[in-house]
C-alpha cells in the first residue's frame, strides 16, 4: 500500500494561494486577510521567498481598497506613537522623489507650518535611480530630518514641521521598500506607506503617479474612517500640483467621496528646468530670484491643503489665501544658501 503524502503547510501560504491561484481561482484578499498577512510580514513571520512571491503577485494584480485598508491597519499597529505626541493637523507623505522638477511642495509645507498648520511628513529615499528625495533636499536646505519618532514630536512642537524617514518610523517596511533594486519593481508597500497617517491627523494629503491609483487611495481612506483626505496625480508622484495642467482632486470629506477639477493656472506650459539645483528653492523663498512655475506650484499645492482643512470653501478662495500667505512669508527664514 502506498501512503499518501502529508506535510504541514506554512501559515502564510494560504495568502499567497488566495491571490496567486490563477485567473479563475484567485481573488482579492478581504480586509481582515490583508491585515493578518501584513501583520505576519511586519513581524518577520514569513520566509523571504514567501514575501517576494506575495509582493510581486500583489503588484501584478494591483491592490484593492480593502487590501490597502487592511495593510495600513496592520502597519499602524506596528508603530508606537507616544501618548504625549502633539496633535498633528496635516499628514503629508513623500515617497516618490523628483526627477523633472524641483520639489516645490517642500516650500508649500513650510508655508503652511509658518501659518500655524502642524505638518508631519514621512517618506523614503534612494530606492529609485535618477531621483532626488525629500530627506536629502531638506538636509541641503539646513532642515535636519528627524531620526526617531520622539525627535519628530519635539520638532513639530517647536517648528510645526517634521520629516521622518520610514526607516525610523517602521523599519520593516523600510526593508521592503529597499528591495526595489532586487525586484526591479515597486511593491504594494509604496501604496501602503503613503496611507499610514501614523499620528492620526484629521487631514491627509496624498500624491500618486498612476491615475488608476487615485480612487484606490480615496476608497481605502474611506474604509479606514479618515475624516479629510485629498488625493491628486502629483508631479512626479509627489504631493505637488503641476500648475500647467488641470488637477483632479479626489477627496474624502466627512466620510463622503467627492471630486473636483482645479483648472490650469497658466494657458501655456513652462519649459522644464535645466538641472535640479535645490538651492534654487531657498533663493525663491528669499525672493532673490523669481520662478513663475515654482511659485505657482508652491501656491497651488498649498491651496489644495487649505481647502482640505476647511480654511477656504472654493478653489479660487483657497488660491487667494495661499497667495497672500506666500507674499507675507518670512523671507529671512534660515534656509541654506
Protein backbone atom coordinates (compact mmCIF):
# COMPACT_ATOMS: atom_id res chain seq x y z
CA UNK A 1 0.00 0.00 0.00
CA UNK A 2 1.35 3.43 -0.99
CA UNK A 3 0.91 6.07 1.66
CA UNK A 4 -0.40 9.49 0.66
CA UNK A 5 1.92 12.41 1.19
CA UNK A 6 1.35 14.63 4.19
CA UNK A 7 3.06 17.84 5.20
CA UNK A 8 2.41 20.86 7.36
CA UNK A 9 1.76 24.00 5.33
CA UNK A 10 3.28 27.29 6.40
CA UNK A 11 0.56 29.60 7.87
CA UNK A 12 1.36 32.32 5.33
CA UNK A 13 0.98 30.03 2.30
CA UNK A 14 -2.79 30.48 2.25
CA UNK A 15 -2.46 34.20 1.49
CA UNK A 16 -0.15 33.56 -1.46
CA UNK A 17 -2.60 30.96 -2.74
CA UNK A 18 -5.59 33.29 -2.48
CA UNK A 19 -4.09 35.89 -4.82
CA UNK A 20 -1.99 33.55 -6.98
CA UNK A 21 -4.28 30.65 -7.83
CA UNK A 22 -4.69 31.64 -11.46
CA UNK A 23 -7.16 33.83 -13.29
CA UNK A 24 -10.12 31.61 -12.43
CA UNK A 25 -9.20 30.65 -8.88
CA UNK A 26 -7.58 33.80 -7.49
CA UNK A 27 -9.44 36.55 -5.68
CA UNK A 28 -8.55 39.71 -3.72
CA UNK A 29 -7.89 39.42 -0.01
CA UNK A 30 -10.57 40.60 2.36
CA UNK A 31 -9.61 43.50 4.61
CA UNK A 32 -9.07 41.11 7.55
CA UNK A 33 -6.99 38.71 5.44
CA UNK A 34 -4.86 41.63 4.26
CA UNK A 35 -4.45 42.79 7.85
CA UNK A 36 -3.26 39.37 9.02
CA UNK A 37 -0.94 38.89 6.04
CA UNK A 38 0.77 42.26 6.51
CA UNK A 39 1.00 41.75 10.26
CA UNK A 40 2.85 38.48 9.67
CA UNK A 41 5.20 40.18 7.21
CA UNK A 42 5.98 43.07 9.55
CA UNK A 43 6.55 40.68 12.46
CA UNK A 44 9.05 38.66 10.44
CA UNK A 45 6.86 35.56 10.48
CA UNK A 46 7.24 34.76 6.75
CA UNK A 47 10.09 33.33 4.73
CA UNK A 48 11.88 35.66 2.28
CA UNK A 49 10.69 33.66 -0.73
CA UNK A 50 7.11 33.91 0.52
CA UNK A 51 7.33 37.66 0.95
CA UNK A 52 8.81 38.10 -2.52
CA UNK A 53 6.12 35.96 -4.12
CA UNK A 54 3.34 37.72 -2.24
CA UNK A 55 4.54 41.22 -3.03
CA UNK A 56 5.02 40.57 -6.73
CA UNK A 57 1.68 38.78 -7.10
CA UNK A 58 0.05 41.73 -5.40
CA UNK A 59 1.94 44.13 -7.66
CA UNK A 60 0.79 42.20 -10.74
CA UNK A 61 -2.89 42.18 -9.83
CA UNK A 62 -2.82 45.65 -8.13
CA UNK A 63 -4.24 46.34 -4.69
CA UNK A 64 -7.91 46.72 -3.91
CA UNK A 65 -9.12 49.40 -1.47
CA UNK A 66 -9.95 46.67 1.05
CA UNK A 67 -6.44 45.24 0.81
CA UNK A 68 -4.84 48.66 1.24
CA UNK A 69 -7.02 49.33 4.29
CA UNK A 70 -6.04 46.03 5.88
CA UNK A 71 -2.35 46.56 5.14
CA UNK A 72 -2.49 50.07 6.60
CA UNK A 73 -4.18 48.93 9.81
CA UNK A 74 -1.51 46.29 10.32
CA UNK A 75 1.26 48.82 9.71
CA UNK A 76 -0.22 51.34 12.14
CA UNK A 77 -0.29 48.67 14.82
CA UNK A 78 3.47 48.22 14.41
CA UNK A 79 4.21 51.90 15.03
CA UNK A 80 4.47 53.10 18.61
CA UNK A 81 3.34 56.72 18.86
CA UNK A 82 3.93 58.28 22.33
CA UNK A 83 0.86 59.12 24.36
CA UNK A 84 2.07 62.71 24.74
CA UNK A 85 2.64 63.23 20.99
CA UNK A 86 1.45 66.64 19.79
CA UNK A 87 -1.75 66.76 17.74
CA UNK A 88 -0.93 66.86 14.02
CA UNK A 89 -3.06 68.88 11.63
CA UNK A 90 -1.83 67.54 8.31
CA UNK A 91 -0.22 64.25 7.28
CA UNK A 92 1.99 64.55 4.18
CA UNK A 93 3.71 61.59 2.55
CA UNK A 94 6.77 61.83 0.27
CA UNK A 95 7.85 58.53 -1.26
CA UNK A 96 8.31 59.14 -5.00
CA UNK A 97 11.24 61.52 -5.33
CA UNK A 98 11.63 64.07 -8.13
CA UNK A 99 13.48 63.98 -11.46
CA UNK A 100 11.85 66.57 -13.78
CA UNK A 101 11.14 69.48 -11.46
CA UNK A 102 12.41 70.60 -8.07
CA UNK A 103 10.34 69.51 -5.05
CA UNK A 104 8.44 72.78 -4.73
CA UNK A 105 5.96 71.11 -2.39
CA UNK A 106 8.58 71.36 0.37
CA UNK A 107 8.08 75.12 0.34
CA UNK A 108 4.32 74.53 0.45
CA UNK A 109 4.65 72.58 3.69
CA UNK A 110 6.98 75.19 5.21
CA UNK A 111 4.50 77.90 4.24
CA UNK A 112 1.63 76.03 5.89
CA UNK A 113 3.71 75.40 9.01
CA UNK A 114 4.63 79.08 9.21
CA UNK A 115 0.93 79.89 9.22
CA UNK A 116 0.02 77.60 12.10
CA UNK A 117 -0.54 74.19 10.47
CA UNK A 118 1.35 71.37 12.18
CA UNK A 119 2.65 69.13 9.40
CA UNK A 120 4.10 65.64 9.76
CA UNK A 121 5.93 64.44 6.66
CA UNK A 122 7.15 60.88 6.19
CA UNK A 123 8.84 59.26 3.23
CA UNK A 124 11.52 57.05 1.78
CA UNK A 125 14.75 57.79 -0.02
CA UNK A 126 17.08 56.37 -2.61
CA UNK A 127 15.05 53.40 -3.83
CA UNK A 128 14.86 54.57 -7.48
CA UNK A 129 17.73 55.73 -9.68
CA UNK A 130 17.84 59.23 -11.10
CA UNK A 131 15.72 61.00 -8.48
CA UNK A 132 16.27 63.41 -5.63
CA UNK A 133 14.49 62.74 -2.35
CA UNK A 134 12.92 64.93 0.29
CA UNK A 135 15.20 63.79 3.11
CA UNK A 136 18.29 64.87 1.19
CA UNK A 137 16.75 68.11 -0.07
CA UNK A 138 15.72 69.14 3.44
CA UNK A 139 19.23 68.44 4.71
CA UNK A 140 20.69 70.56 1.90
CA UNK A 141 18.37 73.40 2.95
CA UNK A 142 19.56 73.18 6.54
CA UNK A 143 16.44 71.43 7.86
CA UNK A 144 17.70 68.29 9.56
CA UNK A 145 15.47 65.24 9.02
CA UNK A 146 14.49 63.53 12.27
CA UNK A 147 15.84 60.12 13.22
CA UNK A 148 13.21 58.99 15.74
CA UNK A 149 9.53 59.40 16.46
CA UNK A 150 10.38 61.18 19.70
CA UNK A 151 12.55 63.71 17.86
CA UNK A 152 9.79 64.27 15.30
CA UNK A 153 7.35 65.03 18.12
CA UNK A 154 9.69 67.62 19.62
CA UNK A 155 10.39 69.20 16.23
CA UNK A 156 6.70 69.55 15.49
CA UNK A 157 6.16 71.22 18.86
CA UNK A 158 8.93 73.72 18.07
CA UNK A 159 8.56 74.31 14.32
CA UNK A 160 5.15 72.91 13.28
CA UNK A 161 7.02 70.69 10.83
CA UNK A 162 8.99 67.45 10.97
CA UNK A 163 10.20 64.92 8.42
CA UNK A 164 10.81 61.32 9.47
CA UNK A 165 12.03 58.64 7.09
CA UNK A 166 10.18 55.32 7.03
CA UNK A 167 13.49 53.77 8.12
CA UNK A 168 12.84 55.16 11.60
CA UNK A 169 9.04 55.13 11.51
CA UNK A 170 8.60 51.48 10.51
CA UNK A 171 11.97 49.72 9.92
CA UNK A 172 10.48 46.54 8.46
CA UNK A 173 8.56 48.48 5.83
CA UNK A 174 11.78 50.32 5.03
CA UNK A 175 13.47 46.97 4.41
CA UNK A 176 10.72 46.01 1.97
CA UNK A 177 10.93 49.31 0.09
CA UNK A 178 14.69 48.81 -0.21
CA UNK A 179 14.05 45.59 -2.17
CA UNK A 180 13.24 47.70 -5.25
CA UNK A 181 16.69 47.26 -6.86
CA UNK A 182 16.46 43.49 -6.29
CA UNK A 183 12.89 43.06 -7.52
CA UNK A 184 13.06 45.58 -10.36
CA UNK A 185 9.58 46.83 -9.42
CA UNK A 186 7.97 48.84 -6.69
CA UNK A 187 5.87 46.74 -4.36
CA UNK A 188 2.47 47.45 -2.78
CA UNK A 189 4.13 48.86 0.33
CA UNK A 190 4.64 52.15 -1.52
CA UNK A 191 0.85 52.48 -1.70
CA UNK A 192 0.53 51.46 1.95
CA UNK A 193 3.25 53.78 3.24
CA UNK A 194 1.55 56.82 1.73
CA UNK A 195 -1.60 56.00 3.69
CA UNK A 196 -0.38 55.15 7.20
CA UNK A 197 -1.07 58.58 8.79
CA UNK A 198 0.67 57.43 11.98
CA UNK A 199 -0.32 60.45 14.11
CA UNK A 200 -3.98 60.14 13.09
CA UNK A 201 -4.06 63.63 11.60
CA UNK A 202 -7.58 64.78 10.62
CA UNK A 203 -6.29 65.94 7.23
CA UNK A 204 -4.24 63.82 4.83
CA UNK A 205 -2.62 64.80 1.54
CA UNK A 206 -1.63 62.01 -0.85
CA UNK A 207 0.11 62.16 -4.21
CA UNK A 208 0.15 59.36 -6.76
CA UNK A 209 1.71 58.97 -10.21
CA UNK A 210 -0.63 56.47 -11.89
CA UNK A 211 -4.17 57.93 -12.15
CA UNK A 212 -5.71 54.49 -11.60
CA UNK A 213 -4.50 54.52 -8.02
CA UNK A 214 -6.35 57.72 -7.17
CA UNK A 215 -9.70 56.02 -6.38
CA UNK A 216 -7.92 53.16 -4.61
CA UNK A 217 -6.38 55.60 -2.12
CA UNK A 218 -9.64 57.52 -1.85
CA UNK A 219 -11.78 54.45 -1.15
CA UNK A 220 -9.21 52.93 1.22
CA UNK A 221 -9.23 56.17 3.21
CA UNK A 222 -13.00 55.95 3.45
CA UNK A 223 -12.77 52.37 4.74
CA UNK A 224 -10.21 53.49 7.32
CA UNK A 225 -12.56 56.19 8.58
CA UNK A 226 -10.29 59.09 7.62
CA UNK A 227 -12.01 62.45 8.09
CA UNK A 228 -10.50 64.53 5.28
CA UNK A 229 -8.23 63.23 2.52
CA UNK A 230 -7.17 64.75 -0.79
CA UNK A 231 -5.59 62.56 -3.48
CA UNK A 232 -4.03 64.07 -6.59
CA UNK A 233 -1.89 62.94 -9.50
CA UNK A 234 1.11 64.86 -8.28
CA UNK A 235 4.11 65.98 -10.32
CA UNK A 236 6.47 63.01 -10.38
CA UNK A 237 4.17 61.16 -7.98
CA UNK A 238 4.74 63.57 -5.10
CA UNK A 239 2.06 65.76 -3.49
CA UNK A 240 2.64 68.69 -5.80
CA UNK A 241 0.24 70.37 -8.14
CA UNK A 242 1.53 70.95 -11.66
CA UNK A 243 0.24 74.49 -12.34
CA UNK A 244 0.42 73.97 -16.10
CA UNK A 245 -2.31 71.32 -16.17
CA UNK A 246 -5.76 70.70 -14.74
CA UNK A 247 -5.69 68.92 -11.38
CA UNK A 248 -8.40 66.46 -10.35
CA UNK A 249 -8.68 66.38 -6.56
CA UNK A 250 -10.46 63.28 -5.27
CA UNK A 251 -11.41 63.66 -1.63
CA UNK A 252 -12.92 62.07 1.39
CA UNK A 253 -14.93 64.75 3.19
CA UNK A 254 -16.68 63.71 6.40
CA UNK A 255 -16.82 60.14 5.13
CA UNK A 256 -18.21 61.03 1.70
CA UNK A 257 -16.35 60.60 -1.60
CA UNK A 258 -16.14 63.78 -3.68
CA UNK A 259 -14.04 65.12 -6.52
CA UNK A 260 -13.34 68.50 -8.08
CA UNK A 261 -11.18 69.57 -11.00
CA UNK A 262 -8.97 72.60 -10.48
CA UNK A 263 -8.21 74.37 -13.79
CA UNK A 264 -4.67 75.09 -15.03
CA UNK A 265 -3.05 78.19 -13.57
CA UNK A 266 -1.46 79.10 -16.93
CA UNK A 267 -2.55 78.99 -20.56
CA UNK A 268 0.84 77.75 -21.79
CA UNK A 269 3.17 75.15 -20.38
CA UNK A 270 6.54 76.11 -18.96
CA UNK A 271 9.85 74.74 -20.18
CA UNK A 272 11.31 72.07 -17.91
CA UNK A 273 14.07 73.21 -15.60
CA UNK A 274 17.73 72.78 -16.61
CA UNK A 275 19.02 70.58 -13.83
CA UNK A 276 17.76 70.37 -10.25
CA UNK A 277 19.67 72.86 -8.11
CA UNK A 278 17.97 72.55 -4.73
CA UNK A 279 19.43 75.88 -3.59
CA UNK A 280 17.01 77.49 -6.05
CA UNK A 281 14.27 76.60 -3.57
CA UNK A 282 15.96 78.71 -0.91
CA UNK A 283 16.60 81.55 -3.38
CA UNK A 284 12.95 81.64 -4.45
CA UNK A 285 11.80 81.59 -0.81
CA UNK A 286 14.06 84.55 -0.02
CA UNK A 287 12.91 86.38 -3.14
CA UNK A 288 16.42 86.52 -4.60
CA UNK A 289 15.14 85.03 -7.86
CA UNK A 290 11.72 84.67 -9.44
CA UNK A 291 10.38 81.40 -10.77
CA UNK A 292 6.85 81.62 -12.18
CA UNK A 293 6.33 77.87 -12.41
CA UNK A 294 7.85 77.13 -9.00
CA UNK A 295 5.93 79.81 -7.13
CA UNK A 296 2.68 78.69 -8.75
CA UNK A 297 3.44 75.08 -7.76
CA UNK A 298 4.02 76.18 -4.15
CA UNK A 299 0.86 78.29 -4.01
CA UNK A 300 -1.32 75.81 -5.92
CA UNK A 301 -0.28 72.90 -3.73
CA UNK A 302 -0.78 74.86 -0.52
CA UNK A 303 -4.21 75.93 -1.76
CA UNK A 304 -5.38 72.32 -2.09
CA UNK A 305 -4.29 71.69 1.51
CA UNK A 306 -6.03 74.84 2.72
CA UNK A 307 -9.32 73.81 1.13
CA UNK A 308 -8.91 70.30 2.53
CA UNK A 309 -8.52 71.72 6.05
CA UNK A 310 -11.60 73.91 5.69
CA UNK A 311 -9.65 77.18 5.56
CA UNK A 312 -11.34 78.02 2.25
CA UNK A 313 -14.51 76.81 0.56
CA UNK A 314 -13.73 77.09 -3.16
CA UNK A 315 -10.51 76.71 -5.19
CA UNK A 316 -10.40 80.43 -6.05
CA UNK A 317 -10.73 81.36 -2.39
CA UNK A 318 -8.03 78.85 -1.45
CA UNK A 319 -5.67 80.21 -4.11
CA UNK A 320 -6.23 83.76 -2.90
CA UNK A 321 -5.44 82.74 0.67
CA UNK A 322 -2.35 80.76 -0.35
CA UNK A 323 -1.12 83.67 -2.47
CA UNK A 324 -1.46 86.11 0.42
CA UNK A 325 0.41 83.71 2.70
CA UNK A 326 3.19 83.39 0.13
CA UNK A 327 3.53 87.17 -0.26
CA UNK A 328 3.70 87.56 3.53
CA UNK A 329 6.17 84.69 4.12
CA UNK A 330 9.16 85.23 6.41
CA UNK A 331 11.77 85.72 3.70
CA UNK A 332 14.53 85.88 6.28
CA UNK A 333 13.87 82.28 7.32
CA UNK A 334 17.16 80.40 7.64
CA UNK A 335 17.48 78.17 4.58
CA UNK A 336 20.94 77.10 3.48
CA UNK A 337 22.42 79.30 0.78
